[in-house]
Amino acid sequence: AEGRNIDGDCAAYDAFSKVVDDSEDEDQEAIARTLVNLLGDSS
């Protein structure tokens, strides 16, 4: 309700984070660019 955290369990968030954690160094800029693009998502 406060918009501070995900409400309850969300395995999908863990999977989303794991993609970043497991990424290669050469993919870091592309991942950062993607995350910045997602700051404009409607969700």
ModelCIF file with pLDDT and N, C-alpha, C, O atoms, coordinates in Angstrom:
data_MODEL
#
_entry.id   MODEL 
#
_entity.id                         1 
_entity.type                       polymer 
_entity.pdbx_number_of_molecules   1 
#
_entity_poly.entity_id                      1 
_entity_poly.type                           'polypeptide(L)' 
_entity_poly.nstd_linkage                   no 
_entity_poly.nstd_monomer                   no 
_entity_poly.pdbx_seq_one_letter_code       AEGRNIDGDCAAYDAFSKVVDDSEDEDQEAIARTLVNLLGDSS 
_entity_poly.pdbx_seq_one_letter_code_can   AEGRNIDGDCAAYDAFSKVVDDSEDEDQEAIARTLVNLLGDSS 
_entity_poly.pdbx_strand_id                 A 
#
loop_
_entity_poly_seq.entity_id 
_entity_poly_seq.num 
_entity_poly_seq.mon_id 
_entity_poly_seq.hetero 
1 1  ALA n 
1 2  GLU n 
1 3  GLY n 
1 4  ARG n 
1 5  ASN n 
1 6  ILE n 
1 7  ASP n 
1 8  GLY n 
1 9  ASP n 
1 10 CYS n 
1 11 ALA n 
1 12 ALA n 
1 13 TYR n 
1 14 ASP n 
1 15 ALA n 
1 16 PHE n 
1 17 SER n 
1 18 LYS n 
1 19 VAL n 
1 20 VAL n 
1 21 ASP n 
1 22 ASP n 
1 23 SER n 
1 24 GLU n 
1 25 ASP n 
1 26 GLU n 
1 27 ASP n 
1 28 GLN n 
1 29 GLU n 
1 30 ALA n 
1 31 ILE n 
1 32 ALA n 
1 33 ARG n 
1 34 THR n 
1 35 LEU n 
1 36 VAL n 
1 37 ASN n 
1 38 LEU n 
1 39 LEU n 
1 40 GLY n 
1 41 ASP n 
1 42 SER n 
1 43 SER n 
#
_struct_asym.id          A 
_struct_asym.entity_id   1 
#
loop_
_ma_qa_metric.id 
_ma_qa_metric.mode 
_ma_qa_metric.name 
_ma_qa_metric.software_group_id 
_ma_qa_metric.type 
1 global pLDDT . pLDDT 
2 local  pLDDT . pLDDT 
#
_ma_qa_metric_global.metric_id      1 
_ma_qa_metric_global.metric_value   91.05 
_ma_qa_metric_global.model_id       1 
_ma_qa_metric_global.ordinal_id     1 
#
loop_
_ma_qa_metric_local.label_asym_id 
_ma_qa_metric_local.label_comp_id 
_ma_qa_metric_local.label_seq_id 
_ma_qa_metric_local.metric_id 
_ma_qa_metric_local.metric_value 
_ma_qa_metric_local.model_id 
_ma_qa_metric_local.ordinal_id 
A ALA 1  2 87.00 1 1  
A GLU 2  2 85.00 1 2  
A GLY 3  2 85.00 1 3  
A ARG 4  2 88.00 1 4  
A ASN 5  2 89.00 1 5  
A ILE 6  2 90.00 1 6  
A ASP 7  2 87.00 1 7  
A GLY 8  2 83.00 1 8  
A ASP 9  2 86.00 1 9  
A CYS 10 2 89.00 1 10 
A ALA 11 2 91.00 1 11 
A ALA 12 2 92.00 1 12 
A TYR 13 2 92.00 1 13 
A ASP 14 2 91.00 1 14 
A ALA 15 2 92.00 1 15 
A PHE 16 2 93.00 1 16 
A SER 17 2 92.00 1 17 
A LYS 18 2 92.00 1 18 
A VAL 19 2 92.00 1 19 
A VAL 20 2 91.00 1 20 
A ASP 21 2 90.00 1 21 
A ASP 22 2 89.00 1 22 
A SER 23 2 86.00 1 23 
A GLU 24 2 84.00 1 24 
A ASP 25 2 84.00 1 25 
A GLU 26 2 85.00 1 26 
A ASP 27 2 90.00 1 27 
A GLN 28 2 92.00 1 28 
A GLU 29 2 93.00 1 29 
A ALA 30 2 94.00 1 30 
A ILE 31 2 96.00 1 31 
A ALA 32 2 96.00 1 32 
A ARG 33 2 96.00 1 33 
A THR 34 2 97.00 1 34 
A LEU 35 2 97.00 1 35 
A VAL 36 2 97.00 1 36 
A ASN 37 2 96.00 1 37 
A LEU 38 2 96.00 1 38 
A LEU 39 2 97.00 1 39 
A GLY 40 2 94.00 1 40 
A ASP 41 2 94.00 1 41 
A SER 42 2 92.00 1 42 
A SER 43 2 93.00 1 43 
#
loop_
_atom_site.group_PDB 
_atom_site.id 
_atom_site.type_symbol 
_atom_site.label_atom_id 
_atom_site.label_alt_id 
_atom_site.label_comp_id 
_atom_site.label_asym_id 
_atom_site.label_entity_id 
_atom_site.label_seq_id 
_atom_site.pdbx_PDB_ins_code 
_atom_site.Cartn_x 
_atom_site.Cartn_y 
_atom_site.Cartn_z 
_atom_site.occupancy 
_atom_site.B_iso_or_equiv 
_atom_site.pdbx_formal_charge 
_atom_site.auth_seq_id 
_atom_site.auth_comp_id 
_atom_site.auth_asym_id 
_atom_site.auth_atom_id 
_atom_site.pdbx_PDB_model_num 
ATOM 1   N N  . ALA A 1 1  ? 0.819  -1.220  0.000   1.00 87.00 ? 1  ALA A N  1 
ATOM 2   C CA . ALA A 1 1  ? 0.000  0.000   0.000   1.00 87.00 ? 1  ALA A CA 1 
ATOM 3   C C  . ALA A 1 1  ? 0.847  1.263   0.000   1.00 87.00 ? 1  ALA A C  1 
ATOM 4   O O  . ALA A 1 1  ? 0.450  2.272   -0.582  1.00 87.00 ? 1  ALA A O  1 
ATOM 5   N N  . GLU A 1 2  ? 2.005  1.222   0.642   1.00 85.00 ? 2  GLU A N  1 
ATOM 6   C CA . GLU A 1 2  ? 2.884  2.403   0.681   1.00 85.00 ? 2  GLU A CA 1 
ATOM 7   C C  . GLU A 1 2  ? 3.744  2.540   -0.552  1.00 85.00 ? 2  GLU A C  1 
ATOM 8   O O  . GLU A 1 2  ? 4.388  3.571   -0.744  1.00 85.00 ? 2  GLU A O  1 
ATOM 9   N N  . GLY A 1 3  ? 3.768  1.506   -1.405  1.00 85.00 ? 3  GLY A N  1 
ATOM 10  C CA . GLY A 1 3  ? 4.586  1.546   -2.606  1.00 85.00 ? 3  GLY A CA 1 
ATOM 11  C C  . GLY A 1 3  ? 6.061  1.375   -2.337  1.00 85.00 ? 3  GLY A C  1 
ATOM 12  O O  . GLY A 1 3  ? 6.893  1.721   -3.176  1.00 85.00 ? 3  GLY A O  1 
ATOM 13  N N  . ARG A 1 4  ? 6.400  0.836   -1.157  1.00 88.00 ? 4  ARG A N  1 
ATOM 14  C CA . ARG A 1 4  ? 7.811  0.739   -0.767  1.00 88.00 ? 4  ARG A CA 1 
ATOM 15  C C  . ARG A 1 4  ? 8.437  -0.606  -1.106  1.00 88.00 ? 4  ARG A C  1 
ATOM 16  O O  . ARG A 1 4  ? 9.642  -0.685  -1.345  1.00 88.00 ? 4  ARG A O  1 
ATOM 17  N N  . ASN A 1 5  ? 7.632  -1.662  -1.131  1.00 89.00 ? 5  ASN A N  1 
ATOM 18  C CA . ASN A 1 5  ? 8.153  -3.000  -1.377  1.00 89.00 ? 5  ASN A CA 1 
ATOM 19  C C  . ASN A 1 5  ? 7.121  -3.814  -2.149  1.00 89.00 ? 5  ASN A C  1 
ATOM 20  O O  . ASN A 1 5  ? 5.956  -3.431  -2.263  1.00 89.00 ? 5  ASN A O  1 
ATOM 21  N N  . ILE A 1 6  ? 7.578  -4.938  -2.669  1.00 90.00 ? 6  ILE A N  1 
ATOM 22  C CA . ILE A 1 6  ? 6.647  -5.852  -3.314  1.00 90.00 ? 6  ILE A CA 1 
ATOM 23  C C  . ILE A 1 6  ? 5.790  -6.508  -2.240  1.00 90.00 ? 6  ILE A C  1 
ATOM 24  O O  . ILE A 1 6  ? 6.298  -6.930  -1.201  1.00 90.00 ? 6  ILE A O  1 
ATOM 25  N N  . ASP A 1 7  ? 4.517  -6.590  -2.491  1.00 87.00 ? 7  ASP A N  1 
ATOM 26  C CA . ASP A 1 7  ? 3.556  -7.130  -1.535  1.00 87.00 ? 7  ASP A CA 1 
ATOM 27  C C  . ASP A 1 7  ? 3.591  -8.652  -1.579  1.00 87.00 ? 7  ASP A C  1 
ATOM 28  O O  . ASP A 1 7  ? 3.257  -9.258  -2.597  1.00 87.00 ? 7  ASP A O  1 
ATOM 29  N N  . GLY A 1 8  ? 4.001  -9.271  -0.461  1.00 83.00 ? 8  GLY A N  1 
ATOM 30  C CA . GLY A 1 8  ? 4.033  -10.724 -0.389  1.00 83.00 ? 8  GLY A CA 1 
ATOM 31  C C  . GLY A 1 8  ? 5.198  -11.330 -1.158  1.00 83.00 ? 8  GLY A C  1 
ATOM 32  O O  . GLY A 1 8  ? 6.169  -10.650 -1.491  1.00 83.00 ? 8  GLY A O  1 
ATOM 33  N N  . ASP A 1 9  ? 5.076  -12.642 -1.434  1.00 86.00 ? 9  ASP A N  1 
ATOM 34  C CA . ASP A 1 9  ? 6.131  -13.350 -2.164  1.00 86.00 ? 9  ASP A CA 1 
ATOM 35  C C  . ASP A 1 9  ? 6.013  -13.067 -3.658  1.00 86.00 ? 9  ASP A C  1 
ATOM 36  O O  . ASP A 1 9  ? 4.914  -12.994 -4.208  1.00 86.00 ? 9  ASP A O  1 
ATOM 37  N N  . CYS A 1 10 ? 7.146  -12.913 -4.290  1.00 89.00 ? 10 CYS A N  1 
ATOM 38  C CA . CYS A 1 10 ? 7.160  -12.686 -5.740  1.00 89.00 ? 10 CYS A CA 1 
ATOM 39  C C  . CYS A 1 10 ? 8.412  -13.347 -6.293  1.00 89.00 ? 10 CYS A C  1 
ATOM 40  O O  . CYS A 1 10 ? 9.461  -12.714 -6.409  1.00 89.00 ? 10 CYS A O  1 
ATOM 41  N N  . ALA A 1 11 ? 8.295  -14.618 -6.630  1.00 91.00 ? 11 ALA A N  1 
ATOM 42  C CA . ALA A 1 11 ? 9.434  -15.366 -7.157  1.00 91.00 ? 11 ALA A CA 1 
ATOM 43  C C  . ALA A 1 11 ? 9.947  -14.740 -8.444  1.00 91.00 ? 11 ALA A C  1 
ATOM 44  O O  . ALA A 1 11 ? 11.127 -14.859 -8.775  1.00 91.00 ? 11 ALA A O  1 
ATOM 45  N N  . ALA A 1 12 ? 9.057  -14.073 -9.168  1.00 92.00 ? 12 ALA A N  1 
ATOM 46  C CA . ALA A 1 12 ? 9.462  -13.460 -10.435 1.00 92.00 ? 12 ALA A CA 1 
ATOM 47  C C  . ALA A 1 12 ? 10.489 -12.355 -10.213 1.00 92.00 ? 12 ALA A C  1 
ATOM 48  O O  . ALA A 1 12 ? 11.359 -12.136 -11.056 1.00 92.00 ? 12 ALA A O  1 
ATOM 49  N N  . TYR A 1 13 ? 10.392 -11.658 -9.080  1.00 92.00 ? 13 TYR A N  1 
ATOM 50  C CA . TYR A 1 13 ? 11.392 -10.616 -8.801  1.00 92.00 ? 13 TYR A CA 1 
ATOM 51  C C  . TYR A 1 13 ? 12.764 -11.234 -8.590  1.00 92.00 ? 13 TYR A C  1 
ATOM 52  O O  . TYR A 1 13 ? 13.773 -10.697 -9.047  1.00 92.00 ? 13 TYR A O  1 
ATOM 53  N N  . ASP A 1 14 ? 12.795 -12.369 -7.894  1.00 91.00 ? 14 ASP A N  1 
ATOM 54  C CA . ASP A 1 14 ? 14.059 -13.063 -7.680  1.00 91.00 ? 14 ASP A CA 1 
ATOM 55  C C  . ASP A 1 14 ? 14.663 -13.503 -9.013  1.00 91.00 ? 14 ASP A C  1 
ATOM 56  O O  . ASP A 1 14 ? 15.872 -13.412 -9.227  1.00 91.00 ? 14 ASP A O  1 
ATOM 57  N N  . ALA A 1 15 ? 13.799 -13.977 -9.896  1.00 92.00 ? 15 ALA A N  1 
ATOM 58  C CA . ALA A 1 15 ? 14.281 -14.399 -11.207 1.00 92.00 ? 15 ALA A CA 1 
ATOM 59  C C  . ALA A 1 15 ? 14.791 -13.205 -12.014 1.00 92.00 ? 15 ALA A C  1 
ATOM 60  O O  . ALA A 1 15 ? 15.796 -13.296 -12.720 1.00 92.00 ? 15 ALA A O  1 
ATOM 61  N N  . PHE A 1 16 ? 14.088 -12.106 -11.895 1.00 93.00 ? 16 PHE A N  1 
ATOM 62  C CA . PHE A 1 16 ? 14.480 -10.876 -12.581 1.00 93.00 ? 16 PHE A CA 1 
ATOM 63  C C  . PHE A 1 16 ? 15.851 -10.399 -12.082 1.00 93.00 ? 16 PHE A C  1 
ATOM 64  O O  . PHE A 1 16 ? 16.719 -10.034 -12.875 1.00 93.00 ? 16 PHE A O  1 
ATOM 65  N N  . SER A 1 17 ? 16.028 -10.408 -10.775 1.00 92.00 ? 17 SER A N  1 
ATOM 66  C CA . SER A 1 17 ? 17.297 -9.989  -10.192 1.00 92.00 ? 17 SER A CA 1 
ATOM 67  C C  . SER A 1 17 ? 18.421 -10.944 -10.555 1.00 92.00 ? 17 SER A C  1 
ATOM 68  O O  . SER A 1 17 ? 19.565 -10.527 -10.733 1.00 92.00 ? 17 SER A O  1 
ATOM 69  N N  . LYS A 1 18 ? 18.095 -12.225 -10.663 1.00 92.00 ? 18 LYS A N  1 
ATOM 70  C CA . LYS A 1 18 ? 19.115 -13.235 -10.952 1.00 92.00 ? 18 LYS A CA 1 
ATOM 71  C C  . LYS A 1 18 ? 19.704 -13.040 -12.338 1.00 92.00 ? 18 LYS A C  1 
ATOM 72  O O  . LYS A 1 18 ? 20.882 -13.319 -12.559 1.00 92.00 ? 18 LYS A O  1 
ATOM 73  N N  . VAL A 1 19 ? 18.896 -12.565 -13.268 1.00 92.00 ? 19 VAL A N  1 
ATOM 74  C CA . VAL A 1 19 ? 19.410 -12.297 -14.610 1.00 92.00 ? 19 VAL A CA 1 
ATOM 75  C C  . VAL A 1 19 ? 20.535 -11.267 -14.539 1.00 92.00 ? 19 VAL A C  1 
ATOM 76  O O  . VAL A 1 19 ? 21.547 -11.382 -15.229 1.00 92.00 ? 19 VAL A O  1 
ATOM 77  N N  . VAL A 1 20 ? 20.340 -10.279 -13.707 1.00 91.00 ? 20 VAL A N  1 
ATOM 78  C CA . VAL A 1 20 ? 21.362 -9.238  -13.543 1.00 91.00 ? 20 VAL A CA 1 
ATOM 79  C C  . VAL A 1 20 ? 22.575 -9.796  -12.812 1.00 91.00 ? 20 VAL A C  1 
ATOM 80  O O  . VAL A 1 20 ? 23.714 -9.569  -13.221 1.00 91.00 ? 20 VAL A O  1 
ATOM 81  N N  . ASP A 1 21 ? 22.325 -10.526 -11.729 1.00 90.00 ? 21 ASP A N  1 
ATOM 82  C CA . ASP A 1 21 ? 23.421 -11.060 -10.926 1.00 90.00 ? 21 ASP A CA 1 
ATOM 83  C C  . ASP A 1 21 ? 24.298 -12.029 -11.716 1.00 90.00 ? 21 ASP A C  1 
ATOM 84  O O  . ASP A 1 21 ? 25.512 -12.081 -11.521 1.00 90.00 ? 21 ASP A O  1 
ATOM 85  N N  . ASP A 1 22 ? 23.679 -12.786 -12.598 1.00 89.00 ? 22 ASP A N  1 
ATOM 86  C CA . ASP A 1 22 ? 24.413 -13.818 -13.344 1.00 89.00 ? 22 ASP A CA 1 
ATOM 87  C C  . ASP A 1 22 ? 24.980 -13.318 -14.662 1.00 89.00 ? 22 ASP A C  1 
ATOM 88  O O  . ASP A 1 22 ? 25.606 -14.089 -15.389 1.00 89.00 ? 22 ASP A O  1 
ATOM 89  N N  . SER A 1 23 ? 24.779 -12.061 -14.986 1.00 86.00 ? 23 SER A N  1 
ATOM 90  C CA . SER A 1 23 ? 25.195 -11.539 -16.287 1.00 86.00 ? 23 SER A CA 1 
ATOM 91  C C  . SER A 1 23 ? 26.707 -11.395 -16.381 1.00 86.00 ? 23 SER A C  1 
ATOM 92  O O  . SER A 1 23 ? 27.397 -11.233 -15.375 1.00 86.00 ? 23 SER A O  1 
ATOM 93  N N  . GLU A 1 24 ? 27.200 -11.457 -17.593 1.00 84.00 ? 24 GLU A N  1 
ATOM 94  C CA . GLU A 1 24 ? 28.623 -11.267 -17.859 1.00 84.00 ? 24 GLU A CA 1 
ATOM 95  C C  . GLU A 1 24 ? 28.966 -9.781  -17.815 1.00 84.00 ? 24 GLU A C  1 
ATOM 96  O O  . GLU A 1 24 ? 28.102 -8.921  -17.984 1.00 84.00 ? 24 GLU A O  1 
ATOM 97  N N  . ASP A 1 25 ? 30.235 -9.503  -17.587 1.00 84.00 ? 25 ASP A N  1 
ATOM 98  C CA . ASP A 1 25 ? 30.669 -8.116  -17.511 1.00 84.00 ? 25 ASP A CA 1 
ATOM 99  C C  . ASP A 1 25 ? 30.370 -7.344  -18.781 1.00 84.00 ? 25 ASP A C  1 
ATOM 100 O O  . ASP A 1 25 ? 30.004 -6.170  -18.734 1.00 84.00 ? 25 ASP A O  1 
ATOM 101 N N  . GLU A 1 26 ? 30.528 -8.010  -19.919 1.00 85.00 ? 26 GLU A N  1 
ATOM 102 C CA . GLU A 1 26 ? 30.316 -7.308  -21.194 1.00 85.00 ? 26 GLU A CA 1 
ATOM 103 C C  . GLU A 1 26 ? 28.853 -6.954  -21.422 1.00 85.00 ? 26 GLU A C  1 
ATOM 104 O O  . GLU A 1 26 ? 28.541 -6.157  -22.306 1.00 85.00 ? 26 GLU A O  1 
ATOM 105 N N  . ASP A 1 27 ? 27.948 -7.541  -20.628 1.00 90.00 ? 27 ASP A N  1 
ATOM 106 C CA . ASP A 1 27 ? 26.521 -7.249  -20.782 1.00 90.00 ? 27 ASP A CA 1 
ATOM 107 C C  . ASP A 1 27 ? 26.037 -6.151  -19.825 1.00 90.00 ? 27 ASP A C  1 
ATOM 108 O O  . ASP A 1 27 ? 24.872 -5.755  -19.876 1.00 90.00 ? 27 ASP A O  1 
ATOM 109 N N  . GLN A 1 28 ? 26.918 -5.666  -18.963 1.00 92.00 ? 28 GLN A N  1 
ATOM 110 C CA . GLN A 1 28 ? 26.493 -4.739  -17.920 1.00 92.00 ? 28 GLN A CA 1 
ATOM 111 C C  . GLN A 1 28 ? 25.882 -3.449  -18.469 1.00 92.00 ? 28 GLN A C  1 
ATOM 112 O O  . GLN A 1 28 ? 24.868 -2.976  -17.956 1.00 92.00 ? 28 GLN A O  1 
ATOM 113 N N  . GLU A 1 29 ? 26.487 -2.888  -19.497 1.00 93.00 ? 29 GLU A N  1 
ATOM 114 C CA . GLU A 1 29 ? 25.950 -1.641  -20.044 1.00 93.00 ? 29 GLU A CA 1 
ATOM 115 C C  . GLU A 1 29 ? 24.586 -1.866  -20.673 1.00 93.00 ? 29 GLU A C  1 
ATOM 116 O O  . GLU A 1 29 ? 23.684 -1.047  -20.499 1.00 93.00 ? 29 GLU A O  1 
ATOM 117 N N  . ALA A 1 30 ? 24.419 -2.971  -21.407 1.00 94.00 ? 30 ALA A N  1 
ATOM 118 C CA . ALA A 1 30 ? 23.131 -3.273  -22.023 1.00 94.00 ? 30 ALA A CA 1 
ATOM 119 C C  . ALA A 1 30 ? 22.060 -3.504  -20.966 1.00 94.00 ? 30 ALA A C  1 
ATOM 120 O O  . ALA A 1 30 ? 20.911 -3.095  -21.134 1.00 94.00 ? 30 ALA A O  1 
ATOM 121 N N  . ILE A 1 31 ? 22.443 -4.163  -19.879 1.00 96.00 ? 31 ILE A N  1 
ATOM 122 C CA . ILE A 1 31 ? 21.490 -4.402  -18.795 1.00 96.00 ? 31 ILE A CA 1 
ATOM 123 C C  . ILE A 1 31 ? 21.111 -3.086  -18.125 1.00 96.00 ? 31 ILE A C  1 
ATOM 124 O O  . ILE A 1 31 ? 19.938 -2.838  -17.844 1.00 96.00 ? 31 ILE A O  1 
ATOM 125 N N  . ALA A 1 32 ? 22.114 -2.244  -17.871 1.00 96.00 ? 32 ALA A N  1 
ATOM 126 C CA . ALA A 1 32 ? 21.820 -0.939  -17.263 1.00 96.00 ? 32 ALA A CA 1 
ATOM 127 C C  . ALA A 1 32 ? 20.908 -0.119  -18.169 1.00 96.00 ? 32 ALA A C  1 
ATOM 128 O O  . ALA A 1 32 ? 19.971 0.522   -17.692 1.00 96.00 ? 32 ALA A O  1 
ATOM 129 N N  . ARG A 1 33 ? 21.175 -0.137  -19.453 1.00 96.00 ? 33 ARG A N  1 
ATOM 130 C CA . ARG A 1 33 ? 20.335 0.603   -20.404 1.00 96.00 ? 33 ARG A CA 1 
ATOM 131 C C  . ARG A 1 33 ? 18.905 0.067   -20.395 1.00 96.00 ? 33 ARG A C  1 
ATOM 132 O O  . ARG A 1 33 ? 17.946 0.834   -20.480 1.00 96.00 ? 33 ARG A O  1 
ATOM 133 N N  . THR A 1 34 ? 18.771 -1.251  -20.291 1.00 97.00 ? 34 THR A N  1 
ATOM 134 C CA . THR A 1 34 ? 17.440 -1.859  -20.261 1.00 97.00 ? 34 THR A CA 1 
ATOM 135 C C  . THR A 1 34 ? 16.689 -1.466  -18.994 1.00 97.00 ? 34 THR A C  1 
ATOM 136 O O  . THR A 1 34 ? 15.504 -1.136  -19.042 1.00 97.00 ? 34 THR A O  1 
ATOM 137 N N  . LEU A 1 35 ? 17.382 -1.504  -17.870 1.00 97.00 ? 35 LEU A N  1 
ATOM 138 C CA . LEU A 1 35 ? 16.749 -1.123  -16.607 1.00 97.00 ? 35 LEU A CA 1 
ATOM 139 C C  . LEU A 1 35 ? 16.308 0.332   -16.626 1.00 97.00 ? 35 LEU A C  1 
ATOM 140 O O  . LEU A 1 35 ? 15.237 0.666   -16.120 1.00 97.00 ? 35 LEU A O  1 
ATOM 141 N N  . VAL A 1 36 ? 17.132 1.201   -17.210 1.00 97.00 ? 36 VAL A N  1 
ATOM 142 C CA . VAL A 1 36 ? 16.742 2.614   -17.320 1.00 97.00 ? 36 VAL A CA 1 
ATOM 143 C C  . VAL A 1 36 ? 15.533 2.752   -18.232 1.00 97.00 ? 36 VAL A C  1 
ATOM 144 O O  . VAL A 1 36 ? 14.635 3.546   -17.952 1.00 97.00 ? 36 VAL A O  1 
ATOM 145 N N  . ASN A 1 37 ? 15.500 1.988   -19.319 1.00 96.00 ? 37 ASN A N  1 
ATOM 146 C CA . ASN A 1 37 ? 14.325 2.022   -20.191 1.00 96.00 ? 37 ASN A CA 1 
ATOM 147 C C  . ASN A 1 37 ? 13.073 1.565   -19.450 1.00 96.00 ? 37 ASN A C  1 
ATOM 148 O O  . ASN A 1 37 ? 11.982 2.083   -19.690 1.00 96.00 ? 37 ASN A O  1 
ATOM 149 N N  . LEU A 1 38 ? 13.229 0.595   -18.550 1.00 96.00 ? 38 LEU A N  1 
ATOM 150 C CA . LEU A 1 38 ? 12.081 0.077   -17.811 1.00 96.00 ? 38 LEU A CA 1 
ATOM 151 C C  . LEU A 1 38 ? 11.546 1.077   -16.793 1.00 96.00 ? 38 LEU A C  1 
ATOM 152 O O  . LEU A 1 38 ? 10.446 0.899   -16.271 1.00 96.00 ? 38 LEU A O  1 
ATOM 153 N N  . LEU A 1 39 ? 12.315 2.128   -16.506 1.00 97.00 ? 39 LEU A N  1 
ATOM 154 C CA . LEU A 1 39 ? 11.806 3.182   -15.616 1.00 97.00 ? 39 LEU A CA 1 
ATOM 155 C C  . LEU A 1 39 ? 10.634 3.925   -16.247 1.00 97.00 ? 39 LEU A C  1 
ATOM 156 O O  . LEU A 1 39 ? 9.950  4.697   -15.574 1.00 97.00 ? 39 LEU A O  1 
ATOM 157 N N  . GLY A 1 40 ? 10.403 3.695   -17.529 1.00 94.00 ? 40 GLY A N  1 
ATOM 158 C CA . GLY A 1 40 ? 9.266  4.301   -18.207 1.00 94.00 ? 40 GLY A CA 1 
ATOM 159 C C  . GLY A 1 40 ? 8.103  3.350   -18.395 1.00 94.00 ? 40 GLY A C  1 
ATOM 160 O O  . GLY A 1 40 ? 7.148  3.683   -19.097 1.00 94.00 ? 40 GLY A O  1 
ATOM 161 N N  . ASP A 1 41 ? 8.156  2.184   -17.791 1.00 94.00 ? 41 ASP A N  1 
ATOM 162 C CA . ASP A 1 41 ? 7.085  1.200   -17.934 1.00 94.00 ? 41 ASP A CA 1 
ATOM 163 C C  . ASP A 1 41 ? 5.825  1.668   -17.221 1.00 94.00 ? 41 ASP A C  1 
ATOM 164 O O  . ASP A 1 41 ? 5.896  2.409   -16.240 1.00 94.00 ? 41 ASP A O  1 
ATOM 165 N N  . SER A 1 42 ? 4.680  1.236   -17.712 1.00 92.00 ? 42 SER A N  1 
ATOM 166 C CA . SER A 1 42 ? 3.405  1.649   -17.099 1.00 92.00 ? 42 SER A CA 1 
ATOM 167 C C  . SER A 1 42 ? 3.139  0.944   -15.780 1.00 92.00 ? 42 SER A C  1 
ATOM 168 O O  . SER A 1 42 ? 2.319  1.415   -14.992 1.00 92.00 ? 42 SER A O  1 
ATOM 169 N N  . SER A 1 43 ? 3.806  -0.164  -15.520 1.00 93.00 ? 43 SER A N  1 
ATOM 170 C CA . SER A 1 43 ? 3.600  -0.927  -14.300 1.00 93.00 ? 43 SER A CA 1 
ATOM 171 C C  . SER A 1 43 ? 4.512  -0.406  -13.195 1.00 93.00 ? 43 SER A C  1 
ATOM 172 O O  . SER A 1 43 ? 4.488  -0.924  -12.078 1.00 93.00 ? 43 SER A O  1 
#
